[in-house]
PDB file of N, CA and C in Angstrom:
ATOM      1  N   MET A   1       0.836  -1.173   0.000  1.00  0.00           N
ATOM      2  CA  MET A   1       0.000   0.000   0.000  1.00  0.00           C
ATOM      3  C   MET A   1       0.887   1.245   0.000  1.00  0.00           C
ATOM      4  N   ARG A   2       0.532   2.215  -0.801  1.00  0.00           N
ATOM      5  CA  ARG A   2       1.278   3.468  -0.834  1.00  0.00           C
ATOM      6  C   ARG A   2       1.060   4.235   0.456  1.00  0.00           C
ATOM      7  N   GLU A   3       2.096   4.954   0.894  1.00  0.00           N
ATOM      8  CA  GLU A   3       2.008   5.709   2.148  1.00  0.00           C
ATOM      9  C   GLU A   3       0.857   6.703   2.133  1.00  0.00           C
ATOM     10  N   GLU A   4       0.609   7.340   0.980  1.00  0.00           N
ATOM     11  CA  GLU A   4      -0.463   8.341   0.909  1.00  0.00           C
ATOM     12  C   GLU A   4      -1.846   7.715   1.013  1.00  0.00           C
ATOM     13  N   ASP A   5      -1.944   6.385   0.889  1.00  0.00           N
ATOM     14  CA  ASP A   5      -3.220   5.693   1.020  1.00  0.00           C
ATOM     15  C   ASP A   5      -3.491   5.235   2.450  1.00  0.00           C
ATOM     16  N   GLU A   6      -2.554   5.432   3.346  1.00  0.00           N
ATOM     17  CA  GLU A   6      -2.718   4.986   4.722  1.00  0.00           C
ATOM     18  C   GLU A   6      -3.419   6.056   5.546  1.00  0.00           C
ATOM     19  N   GLY A   7      -4.113   5.625   6.555  1.00  0.00           N
ATOM     20  CA  GLY A   7      -4.762   6.548   7.471  1.00  0.00           C
ATOM     21  C   GLY A   7      -6.250   6.651   7.228  1.00  0.00           C
ATOM     22  N   PHE A   8      -6.859   7.511   8.016  1.00  0.00           N
ATOM     23  CA  PHE A   8      -8.308   7.661   8.000  1.00  0.00           C
ATOM     24  C   PHE A   8      -8.701   9.042   7.503  1.00  0.00           C
ATOM     25  N   ILE A   9      -9.930   9.127   6.975  1.00  0.00           N
ATOM     26  CA  ILE A   9     -10.487  10.392   6.498  1.00  0.00           C
ATOM     27  C   ILE A   9     -11.933  10.504   6.950  1.00  0.00           C
ATOM     28  N   GLN A  10     -12.408  11.740   6.958  1.00  0.00           N
ATOM     29  CA  GLN A  10     -13.837  12.009   7.115  1.00  0.00           C
ATOM     30  C   GLN A  10     -14.292  12.641   5.817  1.00  0.00           C
ATOM     31  N   VAL A  11     -15.336  12.086   5.238  1.00  0.00           N
ATOM     32  CA  VAL A  11     -15.868  12.565   3.966  1.00  0.00           C
ATOM     33  C   VAL A  11     -17.202  13.249   4.243  1.00  0.00           C
ATOM     34  N   LEU A  12     -17.366  14.459   3.727  1.00  0.00           N
ATOM     35  CA  LEU A  12     -18.610  15.205   3.873  1.00  0.00           C
ATOM     36  C   LEU A  12     -19.409  15.111   2.580  1.00  0.00           C
ATOM     37  N   ILE A  13     -20.679  14.781   2.722  1.00  0.00           N
ATOM     38  CA  ILE A  13     -21.577  14.647   1.579  1.00  0.00           C
ATOM     39  C   ILE A  13     -22.892  15.322   1.969  1.00  0.00           C
ATOM     40  N   THR A  14     -23.417  16.194   1.112  1.00  0.00           N
ATOM     41  CA  THR A  14     -24.727  16.785   1.366  1.00  0.00           C
ATOM     42  C   THR A  14     -25.749  16.138   0.434  1.00  0.00           C
ATOM     43  N   ILE A  15     -26.993  16.091   0.919  1.00  0.00           N
ATOM     44  CA  ILE A  15     -28.070  15.456   0.143  1.00  0.00           C
ATOM     45  C   ILE A  15     -29.398  16.096   0.558  1.00  0.00           C
ATOM     46  N   ASP A  16     -30.378  16.060  -0.309  1.00  0.00           N
ATOM     47  CA  ASP A  16     -31.590  16.857  -0.127  1.00  0.00           C
ATOM     48  C   ASP A  16     -32.678  16.281   0.778  1.00  0.00           C
ATOM     49  N   GLU A  17     -32.678  14.989   1.051  1.00  0.00           N
ATOM     50  CA  GLU A  17     -33.745  14.400   1.869  1.00  0.00           C
ATOM     51  C   GLU A  17     -33.159  13.456   2.913  1.00  0.00           C
ATOM     52  N   LYS A  18     -33.787  13.435   4.089  1.00  0.00           N
ATOM     53  CA  LYS A  18     -33.301  12.593   5.173  1.00  0.00           C
ATOM     54  C   LYS A  18     -33.311  11.117   4.775  1.00  0.00           C
ATOM     55  N   GLU A  19     -34.365  10.674   4.105  1.00  0.00           N
ATOM     56  CA  GLU A  19     -34.462   9.274   3.706  1.00  0.00           C
ATOM     57  C   GLU A  19     -33.327   8.895   2.757  1.00  0.00           C
ATOM     58  N   LYS A  20     -32.974   9.794   1.865  1.00  0.00           N
ATOM     59  CA  LYS A  20     -31.858   9.542   0.944  1.00  0.00           C
ATOM     60  C   LYS A  20     -30.533   9.501   1.709  1.00  0.00           C
ATOM     61  N   ALA A  21     -30.390  10.374   2.700  1.00  0.00           N
ATOM     62  CA  ALA A  21     -29.179  10.365   3.527  1.00  0.00           C
ATOM     63  C   ALA A  21     -29.065   9.044   4.277  1.00  0.00           C
ATOM     64  N   GLU A  22     -30.182   8.562   4.808  1.00  0.00           N
ATOM     65  CA  GLU A  22     -30.185   7.288   5.534  1.00  0.00           C
ATOM     66  C   GLU A  22     -29.846   6.122   4.608  1.00  0.00           C
ATOM     67  N   THR A  23     -30.415   6.134   3.412  1.00  0.00           N
ATOM     68  CA  THR A  23     -30.123   5.080   2.434  1.00  0.00           C
ATOM     69  C   THR A  23     -28.648   5.086   2.063  1.00  0.00           C
ATOM     70  N   LEU A  24     -28.113   6.262   1.786  1.00  0.00           N
ATOM     71  CA  LEU A  24     -26.702   6.402   1.451  1.00  0.00           C
ATOM     72  C   LEU A  24     -25.833   5.877   2.592  1.00  0.00           C
ATOM     73  N   ALA A  25     -26.135   6.292   3.810  1.00  0.00           N
ATOM     74  CA  ALA A  25     -25.359   5.878   4.983  1.00  0.00           C
ATOM     75  C   ALA A  25     -25.404   4.361   5.153  1.00  0.00           C
ATOM     76  N   GLU A  26     -26.583   3.792   5.058  1.00  0.00           N
ATOM     77  CA  GLU A  26     -26.728   2.351   5.236  1.00  0.00           C
ATOM     78  C   GLU A  26     -25.953   1.567   4.180  1.00  0.00           C
ATOM     79  N   GLU A  27     -26.009   2.006   2.937  1.00  0.00           N
ATOM     80  CA  GLU A  27     -25.283   1.305   1.873  1.00  0.00           C
ATOM     81  C   GLU A  27     -23.780   1.380   2.083  1.00  0.00           C
ATOM     82  N   LEU A  28     -23.271   2.543   2.477  1.00  0.00           N
ATOM     83  CA  LEU A  28     -21.832   2.682   2.693  1.00  0.00           C
ATOM     84  C   LEU A  28     -21.357   1.819   3.858  1.00  0.00           C
ATOM     85  N   VAL A  29     -22.154   1.759   4.926  1.00  0.00           N
ATOM     86  CA  VAL A  29     -21.778   0.941   6.079  1.00  0.00           C
ATOM     87  C   VAL A  29     -21.931  -0.545   5.747  1.00  0.00           C
ATOM     88  N   GLU A  30     -23.028  -0.920   5.074  1.00  0.00           N
ATOM     89  CA  GLU A  30     -23.235  -2.320   4.694  1.00  0.00           C
ATOM     90  C   GLU A  30     -22.085  -2.850   3.846  1.00  0.00           C
ATOM     91  N   GLU A  31     -21.611  -2.028   2.915  1.00  0.00           N
ATOM     92  CA  GLU A  31     -20.533  -2.442   2.011  1.00  0.00           C
ATOM     93  C   GLU A  31     -19.148  -2.248   2.633  1.00  0.00           C
ATOM     94  N   ARG A  32     -19.113  -1.830   3.885  1.00  0.00           N
ATOM     95  CA  ARG A  32     -17.865  -1.595   4.624  1.00  0.00           C
ATOM     96  C   ARG A  32     -16.972  -0.541   3.972  1.00  0.00           C
ATOM     97  N   LEU A  33     -17.605   0.388   3.259  1.00  0.00           N
ATOM     98  CA  LEU A  33     -16.881   1.545   2.742  1.00  0.00           C
ATOM     99  C   LEU A  33     -16.815   2.633   3.804  1.00  0.00           C
ATOM    100  N   ALA A  34     -17.649   2.518   4.828  1.00  0.00           N
ATOM    101  CA  ALA A  34     -17.664   3.438   5.961  1.00  0.00           C
ATOM    102  C   ALA A  34     -17.870   2.627   7.226  1.00  0.00           C
ATOM    103  N   ALA A  35     -17.179   3.034   8.295  1.00  0.00           N
ATOM    104  CA  ALA A  35     -17.410   2.407   9.591  1.00  0.00           C
ATOM    105  C   ALA A  35     -18.588   3.078  10.285  1.00  0.00           C
ATOM    106  N   CYS A  36     -18.767   4.350   9.988  1.00  0.00           N
ATOM    107  CA  CYS A  36     -19.798   5.147  10.653  1.00  0.00           C
ATOM    108  C   CYS A  36     -20.178   6.303   9.737  1.00  0.00           C
ATOM    109  N   VAL A  37     -21.470   6.609   9.678  1.00  0.00           N
ATOM    110  CA  VAL A  37     -21.940   7.807   8.975  1.00  0.00           C
ATOM    111  C   VAL A  37     -22.885   8.530   9.916  1.00  0.00           C
ATOM    112  N   GLN A  38     -22.561   9.758  10.225  1.00  0.00           N
ATOM    113  CA  GLN A  38     -23.439  10.595  11.044  1.00  0.00           C
ATOM    114  C   GLN A  38     -24.213  11.510  10.109  1.00  0.00           C
ATOM    115  N   ILE A  39     -25.483  11.702  10.411  1.00  0.00           N
ATOM    116  CA  ILE A  39     -26.344  12.544   9.583  1.00  0.00           C
ATOM    117  C   ILE A  39     -26.796  13.732  10.422  1.00  0.00           C
ATOM    118  N   ALA A  40     -26.474  14.930   9.966  1.00  0.00           N
ATOM    119  CA  ALA A  40     -26.889  16.163  10.632  1.00  0.00           C
ATOM    120  C   ALA A  40     -27.844  16.901   9.702  1.00  0.00           C
ATOM    121  N   GLY A  41     -28.834  17.520  10.264  1.00  0.00           N
ATOM    122  CA  GLY A  41     -29.731  18.272   9.391  1.00  0.00           C
ATOM    123  C   GLY A  41     -30.878  18.847  10.196  1.00  0.00           C
ATOM    124  N   THR A  42     -31.576  19.688   9.573  1.00  0.00           N
ATOM    125  CA  THR A  42     -31.250  20.223   8.259  1.00  0.00           C
ATOM    126  C   THR A  42     -30.258  21.367   8.397  1.00  0.00           C
ATOM    127  N   ILE A  43     -29.505  21.524   7.315  1.00  0.00           N
ATOM    128  CA  ILE A  43     -28.606  22.663   7.211  1.00  0.00           C
ATOM    129  C   ILE A  43     -29.064  23.469   6.007  1.00  0.00           C
ATOM    130  N   GLU A  44     -28.769  24.728   5.996  1.00  0.00           N
ATOM    131  CA  GLU A  44     -29.122  25.569   4.860  1.00  0.00           C
ATOM    132  C   GLU A  44     -27.881  25.822   4.031  1.00  0.00           C
ATOM    133  N   SER A  45     -27.969  25.508   2.754  1.00  0.00           N
ATOM    134  CA  SER A  45     -26.858  25.737   1.836  1.00  0.00           C
ATOM    135  C   SER A  45     -27.232  26.850   0.868  1.00  0.00           C
ATOM    136  N   ILE A  46     -26.304  27.773   0.698  1.00  0.00           N
ATOM    137  CA  ILE A  46     -26.461  28.857  -0.276  1.00  0.00           C
ATOM    138  C   ILE A  46     -25.270  28.759  -1.203  1.00  0.00           C
ATOM    139  N   TYR A  47     -25.526  28.647  -2.506  1.00  0.00           N
ATOM    140  CA  TYR A  47     -24.467  28.366  -3.461  1.00  0.00           C
ATOM    141  C   TYR A  47     -24.855  28.875  -4.844  1.00  0.00           C
ATOM    142  N   ARG A  48     -23.864  28.993  -5.703  1.00  0.00           N
ATOM    143  CA  ARG A  48     -24.118  29.381  -7.076  1.00  0.00           C
ATOM    144  C   ARG A  48     -24.143  28.108  -7.920  1.00  0.00           C
ATOM    145  N   TRP A  49     -25.195  27.928  -8.707  1.00  0.00           N
ATOM    146  CA  TRP A  49     -25.320  26.756  -9.566  1.00  0.00           C
ATOM    147  C   TRP A  49     -25.894  27.189 -10.905  1.00  0.00           C
ATOM    148  N   LYS A  50     -25.147  26.917 -11.953  1.00  0.00           N
ATOM    149  CA  LYS A  50     -25.545  27.244 -13.326  1.00  0.00           C
ATOM    150  C   LYS A  50     -25.963  28.704 -13.471  1.00  0.00           C
ATOM    151  N   GLY A  51     -25.151  29.577 -12.871  1.00  0.00           N
ATOM    152  CA  GLY A  51     -25.310  31.008 -13.076  1.00  0.00           C
ATOM    153  C   GLY A  51     -26.228  31.732 -12.120  1.00  0.00           C
ATOM    154  N   SER A  52     -26.888  31.041 -11.207  1.00  0.00           N
ATOM    155  CA  SER A  52     -27.746  31.763 -10.270  1.00  0.00           C
ATOM    156  C   SER A  52     -27.527  31.255  -8.850  1.00  0.00           C
ATOM    157  N   VAL A  53     -27.829  32.146  -7.916  1.00  0.00           N
ATOM    158  CA  VAL A  53     -27.675  31.805  -6.509  1.00  0.00           C
ATOM    159  C   VAL A  53     -28.869  30.947  -6.088  1.00  0.00           C
ATOM    160  N   GLN A  54     -28.566  29.832  -5.458  1.00  0.00           N
ATOM    161  CA  GLN A  54     -29.578  28.880  -5.016  1.00  0.00           C
ATOM    162  C   GLN A  54     -29.563  28.785  -3.491  1.00  0.00           C
ATOM    163  N   ARG A  55     -30.645  28.332  -2.945  1.00  0.00           N
ATOM    164  CA  ARG A  55     -30.769  28.108  -1.505  1.00  0.00           C
ATOM    165  C   ARG A  55     -31.503  26.785  -1.326  1.00  0.00           C
ATOM    166  N   SER A  56     -30.912  25.892  -0.518  1.00  0.00           N
ATOM    167  CA  SER A  56     -31.513  24.579  -0.310  1.00  0.00           C
ATOM    168  C   SER A  56     -31.355  24.132   1.134  1.00  0.00           C
ATOM    169  N   ASP A  57     -32.357  23.413   1.622  1.00  0.00           N
ATOM    170  CA  ASP A  57     -32.215  22.694   2.878  1.00  0.00           C
ATOM    171  C   ASP A  57     -31.622  21.337   2.537  1.00  0.00           C
ATOM    172  N   GLU A  58     -30.590  20.942   3.280  1.00  0.00           N
ATOM    173  CA  GLU A  58     -29.910  19.685   3.001  1.00  0.00           C
ATOM    174  C   GLU A  58     -29.579  18.973   4.305  1.00  0.00           C
ATOM    175  N   TYR A  59     -29.166  17.741   4.157  1.00  0.00           N
ATOM    176  CA  TYR A  59     -28.644  16.945   5.262  1.00  0.00           C
ATOM    177  C   TYR A  59     -27.165  16.724   5.007  1.00  0.00           C
ATOM    178  N   LEU A  60     -26.383  16.763   6.073  1.00  0.00           N
ATOM    179  CA  LEU A  60     -24.941  16.586   5.971  1.00  0.00           C
ATOM    180  C   LEU A  60     -24.572  15.204   6.493  1.00  0.00           C
ATOM    181  N   CYS A  61     -23.966  14.406   5.638  1.00  0.00           N
ATOM    182  CA  CYS A  61     -23.471  13.081   6.016  1.00  0.00           C
ATOM    183  C   CYS A  61     -21.977  13.189   6.283  1.00  0.00           C
ATOM    184  N   MET A  62     -21.563  12.737   7.460  1.00  0.00           N
ATOM    185  CA  MET A  62     -20.155  12.754   7.851  1.00  0.00           C
ATOM    186  C   MET A  62     -19.697  11.308   7.929  1.00  0.00           C
ATOM    187  N   VAL A  63     -18.880  10.916   6.960  1.00  0.00           N
ATOM    188  CA  VAL A  63     -18.498   9.526   6.747  1.00  0.00           C
ATOM    189  C   VAL A  63     -17.086   9.293   7.273  1.00  0.00           C
ATOM    190  N   LYS A  64     -16.915   8.262   8.106  1.00  0.00           N
ATOM    191  CA  LYS A  64     -15.590   7.884   8.598  1.00  0.00           C
ATOM    192  C   LYS A  64     -15.121   6.670   7.824  1.00  0.00           C
ATOM    193  N   THR A  65     -13.935   6.775   7.196  1.00  0.00           N
ATOM    194  CA  THR A  65     -13.408   5.692   6.380  1.00  0.00           C
ATOM    195  C   THR A  65     -11.890   5.783   6.311  1.00  0.00           C
ATOM    196  N   GLU A  66     -11.301   4.901   5.513  1.00  0.00           N
ATOM    197  CA  GLU A  66      -9.858   4.919   5.276  1.00  0.00           C
ATOM    198  C   GLU A  66      -9.559   5.631   3.957  1.00  0.00           C
ATOM    199  N   LYS A  67      -8.390   6.250   3.885  1.00  0.00           N
ATOM    200  CA  LYS A  67      -7.992   6.929   2.649  1.00  0.00           C
ATOM    201  C   LYS A  67      -8.023   5.980   1.461  1.00  0.00           C
ATOM    202  N   ARG A  68      -7.587   4.747   1.660  1.00  0.00           N
ATOM    203  CA  ARG A  68      -7.516   3.796   0.548  1.00  0.00           C
ATOM    204  C   ARG A  68      -8.890   3.450  -0.023  1.00  0.00           C
ATOM    205  N   SER A  69      -9.962   3.723   0.724  1.00  0.00           N
ATOM    206  CA  SER A  69     -11.318   3.424   0.262  1.00  0.00           C
ATOM    207  C   SER A  69     -11.975   4.593  -0.459  1.00  0.00           C
ATOM    208  N   TYR A  70     -11.289   5.750  -0.504  1.00  0.00           N
ATOM    209  CA  TYR A  70     -11.943   6.959  -1.023  1.00  0.00           C
ATOM    210  C   TYR A  70     -12.467   6.793  -2.445  1.00  0.00           C
ATOM    211  N   GLU A  71     -11.662   6.316  -3.361  1.00  0.00           N
ATOM    212  CA  GLU A  71     -12.098   6.231  -4.764  1.00  0.00           C
ATOM    213  C   GLU A  71     -13.323   5.342  -4.921  1.00  0.00           C
ATOM    214  N   THR A  72     -13.333   4.211  -4.235  1.00  0.00           N
ATOM    215  CA  THR A  72     -14.479   3.306  -4.307  1.00  0.00           C
ATOM    216  C   THR A  72     -15.707   3.953  -3.677  1.00  0.00           C
ATOM    217  N   LEU A  73     -15.514   4.634  -2.544  1.00  0.00           N
ATOM    218  CA  LEU A  73     -16.609   5.330  -1.884  1.00  0.00           C
ATOM    219  C   LEU A  73     -17.179   6.416  -2.792  1.00  0.00           C
ATOM    220  N   GLU A  74     -16.313   7.210  -3.395  1.00  0.00           N
ATOM    221  CA  GLU A  74     -16.769   8.282  -4.295  1.00  0.00           C
ATOM    222  C   GLU A  74     -17.585   7.706  -5.447  1.00  0.00           C
ATOM    223  N   LYS A  75     -17.106   6.640  -6.033  1.00  0.00           N
ATOM    224  CA  LYS A  75     -17.829   6.000  -7.148  1.00  0.00           C
ATOM    225  C   LYS A  75     -19.213   5.538  -6.692  1.00  0.00           C
ATOM    226  N   LYS A  76     -19.293   4.918  -5.526  1.00  0.00           N
ATOM    227  CA  LYS A  76     -20.572   4.437  -5.001  1.00  0.00           C
ATOM    228  C   LYS A  76     -21.527   5.594  -4.744  1.00  0.00           C
ATOM    229  N   VAL A  77     -21.026   6.663  -4.140  1.00  0.00           N
ATOM    230  CA  VAL A  77     -21.871   7.824  -3.867  1.00  0.00           C
ATOM    231  C   VAL A  77     -22.430   8.381  -5.166  1.00  0.00           C
ATOM    232  N   LYS A  78     -21.608   8.524  -6.185  1.00  0.00           N
ATOM    233  CA  LYS A  78     -22.065   9.062  -7.466  1.00  0.00           C
ATOM    234  C   LYS A  78     -23.103   8.159  -8.129  1.00  0.00           C
ATOM    235  N   GLU A  79     -23.019   6.855  -7.901  1.00  0.00           N
ATOM    236  CA  GLU A  79     -24.001   5.923  -8.462  1.00  0.00           C
ATOM    237  C   GLU A  79     -25.392   6.127  -7.876  1.00  0.00           C
ATOM    238  N   ILE A  80     -25.466   6.439  -6.586  1.00  0.00           N
ATOM    239  CA  ILE A  80     -26.775   6.482  -5.929  1.00  0.00           C
ATOM    240  C   ILE A  80     -27.246   7.892  -5.558  1.00  0.00           C
ATOM    241  N   HIS A  81     -26.380   8.888  -5.664  1.00  0.00           N
ATOM    242  CA  HIS A  81     -26.728  10.250  -5.266  1.00  0.00           C
ATOM    243  C   HIS A  81     -27.597  10.908  -6.330  1.00  0.00           C
ATOM    244  N   PRO A  82     -28.639  11.640  -5.922  1.00  0.00           N
ATOM    245  CA  PRO A  82     -29.532  12.254  -6.910  1.00  0.00           C
ATOM    246  C   PRO A  82     -28.982  13.512  -7.595  1.00  0.00           C
ATOM    247  N   TYR A  83     -27.937  14.139  -7.044  1.00  0.00           N
ATOM    248  CA  TYR A  83     -27.432  15.382  -7.612  1.00  0.00           C
ATOM    249  C   TYR A  83     -26.568  15.114  -8.838  1.00  0.00           C
ATOM    250  N   GLU A  84     -26.601  16.050  -9.751  1.00  0.00           N
ATOM    251  CA  GLU A  84     -25.737  16.004 -10.930  1.00  0.00           C
ATOM    252  C   GLU A  84     -24.261  16.103 -10.528  1.00  0.00           C
ATOM    253  N   ASN A  85     -23.975  16.928  -9.525  1.00  0.00           N
ATOM    254  CA  ASN A  85     -22.602  17.153  -9.062  1.00  0.00           C
ATOM    255  C   ASN A  85     -22.607  17.199  -7.528  1.00  0.00           C
ATOM    256  N   PRO A  86     -22.650  16.040  -6.874  1.00  0.00           N
ATOM    257  CA  PRO A  86     -22.752  16.042  -5.418  1.00  0.00           C
ATOM    258  C   PRO A  86     -21.483  16.531  -4.730  1.00  0.00           C
ATOM    259  N   GLU A  87     -21.681  17.150  -3.577  1.00  0.00           N
ATOM    260  CA  GLU A  87     -20.539  17.523  -2.739  1.00  0.00           C
ATOM    261  C   GLU A  87     -19.976  16.250  -2.114  1.00  0.00           C
ATOM    262  N   ILE A  88     -18.728  15.972  -2.407  1.00  0.00           N
ATOM    263  CA  ILE A  88     -18.003  14.854  -1.804  1.00  0.00           C
ATOM    264  C   ILE A  88     -16.599  15.384  -1.537  1.00  0.00           C
ATOM    265  N   ILE A  89     -16.327  15.747  -0.288  1.00  0.00           N
ATOM    266  CA  ILE A  89     -15.008  16.269   0.045  1.00  0.00           C
ATOM    267  C   ILE A  89     -14.472  15.529   1.257  1.00  0.00           C
ATOM    268  N   ALA A  90     -13.163  15.334   1.284  1.00  0.00           N
ATOM    269  CA  ALA A  90     -12.550  14.531   2.337  1.00  0.00           C
ATOM    270  C   ALA A  90     -11.479  15.316   3.077  1.00  0.00           C
ATOM    271  N   PHE A  91     -11.380  15.021   4.374  1.00  0.00           N
ATOM    272  CA  PHE A  91     -10.378  15.608   5.246  1.00  0.00           C
ATOM    273  C   PHE A  91      -9.646  14.484   5.967  1.00  0.00           C
ATOM    274  N   SER A  92      -8.352  14.630   6.098  1.00  0.00           N
ATOM    275  CA  SER A  92      -7.576  13.646   6.854  1.00  0.00           C
ATOM    276  C   SER A  92      -7.913  13.728   8.328  1.00  0.00           C
ATOM    277  N   ILE A  93      -7.959  12.586   8.960  1.00  0.00           N
ATOM    278  CA  ILE A  93      -8.088  12.514  10.408  1.00  0.00           C
ATOM    279  C   ILE A  93      -6.668  12.351  10.937  1.00  0.00           C
ATOM    280  N   ASP A  94      -6.137  13.405  11.521  1.00  0.00           N
ATOM    281  CA  ASP A  94      -4.747  13.406  11.967  1.00  0.00           C
ATOM    282  C   ASP A  94      -4.563  12.763  13.332  1.00  0.00           C
ATOM    283  N   GLU A  95      -5.554  12.857  14.177  1.00  0.00           N
ATOM    284  CA  GLU A  95      -5.468  12.320  15.536  1.00  0.00           C
ATOM    285  C   GLU A  95      -6.817  11.739  15.912  1.00  0.00           C
ATOM    286  N   GLY A  96      -6.788  10.816  16.864  1.00  0.00           N
ATOM    287  CA  GLY A  96      -8.011  10.235  17.398  1.00  0.00           C
ATOM    288  C   GLY A  96      -7.654   9.250  18.484  1.00  0.00           C
ATOM    289  N   SER A  97      -8.640   8.894  19.282  1.00  0.00           N
ATOM    290  CA  SER A  97      -8.340   7.939  20.342  1.00  0.00           C
ATOM    291  C   SER A  97      -7.948   6.603  19.713  1.00  0.00           C
ATOM    292  N   GLU A  98      -6.977   5.959  20.318  1.00  0.00           N
ATOM    293  CA  GLU A  98      -6.482   4.682  19.803  1.00  0.00           C
ATOM    294  C   GLU A  98      -7.608   3.657  19.708  1.00  0.00           C
ATOM    295  N   GLU A  99      -8.486   3.647  20.718  1.00  0.00           N
ATOM    296  CA  GLU A  99      -9.585   2.686  20.734  1.00  0.00           C
ATOM    297  C   GLU A  99     -10.569   2.943  19.589  1.00  0.00           C
ATOM    298  N   TYR A 100     -10.904   4.214  19.354  1.00  0.00           N
ATOM    299  CA  TYR A 100     -11.854   4.542  18.275  1.00  0.00           C
ATOM    300  C   TYR A 100     -11.263   4.203  16.916  1.00  0.00           C
ATOM    301  N   LEU A 101     -10.024   4.590  16.689  1.00  0.00           N
ATOM    302  CA  LEU A 101      -9.394   4.325  15.396  1.00  0.00           C
ATOM    303  C   LEU A 101      -9.213   2.827  15.171  1.00  0.00           C
ATOM    304  N   SER A 102      -8.963   2.077  16.199  1.00  0.00           N
ATOM    305  CA  SER A 102      -8.858   0.628  16.090  1.00  0.00           C
ATOM    306  C   SER A 102     -10.218   0.033  15.704  1.00  0.00           C
ATOM    307  N   TRP A 103     -11.281   0.515  16.345  1.00  0.00           N
ATOM    308  CA  TRP A 103     -12.637   0.072  15.997  1.00  0.00           C
ATOM    309  C   TRP A 103     -12.943   0.420  14.545  1.00  0.00           C
ATOM    310  N   LEU A 104     -12.635   1.659  14.148  1.00  0.00           N
ATOM    311  CA  LEU A 104     -12.892   2.115  12.787  1.00  0.00           C
ATOM    312  C   LEU A 104     -12.234   1.184  11.779  1.00  0.00           C
ATOM    313  N   LYS A 105     -10.958   0.889  11.983  1.00  0.00           N
ATOM    314  CA  LYS A 105     -10.209   0.016  11.078  1.00  0.00           C
ATOM    315  C   LYS A 105     -10.855  -1.373  10.996  1.00  0.00           C
ATOM    316  N   GLY A 106     -11.307  -1.873  12.121  1.00  0.00           N
ATOM    317  CA  GLY A 106     -11.906  -3.202  12.149  1.00  0.00           C
ATOM    318  C   GLY A 106     -13.228  -3.300  11.416  1.00  0.00           C
ATOM    319  N   GLU A 107     -13.907  -2.181  11.213  1.00  0.00           N
ATOM    320  CA  GLU A 107     -15.217  -2.181  10.548  1.00  0.00           C
ATOM    321  C   GLU A 107     -15.144  -1.959   9.048  1.00  0.00           C
ATOM    322  N   LEU A 108     -13.951  -1.689   8.537  1.00  0.00           N
ATOM    323  CA  LEU A 108     -13.795  -1.401   7.107  1.00  0.00           C
ATOM    324  C   LEU A 108     -13.238  -2.619   6.384  1.00  0.00           C
ATOM    325  N   ARG A 109     -13.323  -2.585   5.046  1.00  0.00           N
ATOM    326  CA  ARG A 109     -12.822  -3.685   4.206  1.00  0.00           C
ATOM    327  C   ARG A 109     -11.385  -4.015   4.523  1.00  0.00           C
TER     328      ARG A 109
END
């Protein structure tokens, strides 16, 4: 495994309906692409899309996974996400409790 593929990340994904967020979360956890997905909502998003300012209520999915799973996770999200261009952004997890990170690793592929 390449060094840059090691470690854990948190991936943020927004989606328009709670039921869709739950479905997305369940599929990612079932397929072991995520150890945990937290769903927060509703949040208000204000953004520019196709030339005009938009405003939407959304749910925020916070996905805990490994860096090496990112590409597969992104592909899966794009397959089932209703948006033309979904928000999928990842941040490295630099620190965490040893017990939590050990649990996280054990729940992933």
